[in-house]
């Protein structure tokens, strides 16, 4: 059984390797999988946005950028004492 946090880290790491190898579609699939497991994973969303931009899918890239901003805002404003 896969622990969600570990799966996310593996997907993001493997996605980054695929970007370096030039496999942007494969990387996009891994970043999407990571974001599906952990919707507030800024690393997965950020890399997903970059890959979509490099592929030329600007509207999706902009949407992902908004998601990253929401995640960061959520982390900043969350009351961690509760």
Protein backbone atom coordinates (compact mmCIF):
# COMPACT_ATOMS: atom_id res chain seq x y z
CA UNK A 1 0.00 0.00 0.00
CA UNK A 2 1.26 3.43 -0.89
CA UNK A 3 1.46 6.11 1.79
CA UNK A 4 -0.03 9.25 0.16
CA UNK A 5 2.83 11.59 1.10
CA UNK A 6 5.42 9.13 -0.22
CA UNK A 7 3.46 8.62 -3.45
CA UNK A 8 3.31 12.37 -3.98
CA UNK A 9 7.04 12.79 -3.40
CA UNK A 10 7.83 9.93 -5.78
CA UNK A 11 5.52 11.31 -8.48
CA UNK A 12 7.02 14.80 -8.22
CA UNK A 13 10.59 13.47 -8.24
CA UNK A 14 9.96 11.19 -11.21
CA UNK A 15 8.15 14.02 -13.00
CA UNK A 16 11.19 16.26 -12.59
CA UNK A 17 13.41 13.51 -14.02
CA UNK A 18 11.10 13.19 -17.04
CA UNK A 19 11.23 16.96 -17.59
CA UNK A 20 15.03 16.76 -17.68
CA UNK A 21 14.75 13.94 -20.24
CA UNK A 22 12.34 15.99 -22.36
CA UNK A 23 9.26 13.83 -21.72
CA UNK A 24 6.87 16.66 -20.88
CA UNK A 25 3.69 14.60 -21.37
CA UNK A 26 4.93 11.91 -19.02
CA UNK A 27 5.95 14.54 -16.49
CA UNK A 28 2.54 16.21 -16.75
CA UNK A 29 0.82 12.89 -15.99
CA UNK A 30 2.95 12.37 -12.89
CA UNK A 31 2.40 15.92 -11.62
CA UNK A 32 -1.35 15.52 -12.20
CA UNK A 33 -1.30 12.24 -10.28
CA UNK A 34 0.55 13.88 -7.38
CA UNK A 35 -1.91 16.78 -7.32
CA UNK A 36 -4.79 14.30 -7.38
CA UNK A 37 -3.43 12.57 -4.29
CA UNK A 38 -2.54 15.78 -2.44
CA UNK A 39 -4.43 18.80 -3.84
CA UNK A 40 -2.44 21.29 -1.72
CA UNK A 41 0.98 20.04 -2.85
CA UNK A 42 2.55 23.27 -4.07
CA UNK A 43 5.52 21.44 -5.66
CA UNK A 44 3.24 19.27 -7.78
CA UNK A 45 1.05 22.19 -8.83
CA UNK A 46 3.98 24.51 -9.53
CA UNK A 47 5.72 21.92 -11.71
CA UNK A 48 2.42 21.09 -13.42
CA UNK A 49 2.05 24.76 -14.31
CA UNK A 50 5.58 24.95 -15.68
CA UNK A 51 5.15 21.81 -17.77
CA UNK A 52 1.85 23.04 -19.20
CA UNK A 53 3.50 26.34 -20.09
CA UNK A 54 6.36 24.53 -21.87
CA UNK A 55 3.88 22.33 -23.71
CA UNK A 56 2.02 25.46 -24.80
CA UNK A 57 -1.18 24.93 -22.83
CA UNK A 58 -1.25 28.45 -21.42
CA UNK A 59 -4.87 28.47 -20.12
CA UNK A 60 -4.23 25.36 -18.01
CA UNK A 61 -0.91 26.79 -16.87
CA UNK A 62 -2.64 29.97 -15.69
CA UNK A 63 -5.32 27.96 -13.87
CA UNK A 64 -2.64 25.96 -12.08
CA UNK A 65 -0.91 29.23 -11.15
CA UNK A 66 -4.12 30.36 -9.46
CA UNK A 67 -4.27 27.04 -7.58
CA UNK A 68 -0.70 27.56 -6.33
CA UNK A 69 -1.63 31.05 -5.10
CA UNK A 70 -4.66 29.65 -3.27
CA UNK A 71 -2.51 26.95 -1.66
CA UNK A 72 0.07 29.47 -0.49
CA UNK A 73 -2.67 31.80 0.81
CA UNK A 74 -4.28 28.88 2.64
CA UNK A 75 -0.96 27.99 4.31
CA UNK A 76 -0.31 31.60 5.33
CA UNK A 77 -3.77 32.27 6.74
CA UNK A 78 -4.47 28.89 8.34
CA UNK A 79 -4.76 28.95 12.12
CA UNK A 80 -2.21 26.26 12.94
CA UNK A 81 -2.88 26.51 16.70
CA UNK A 82 -6.21 24.65 16.43
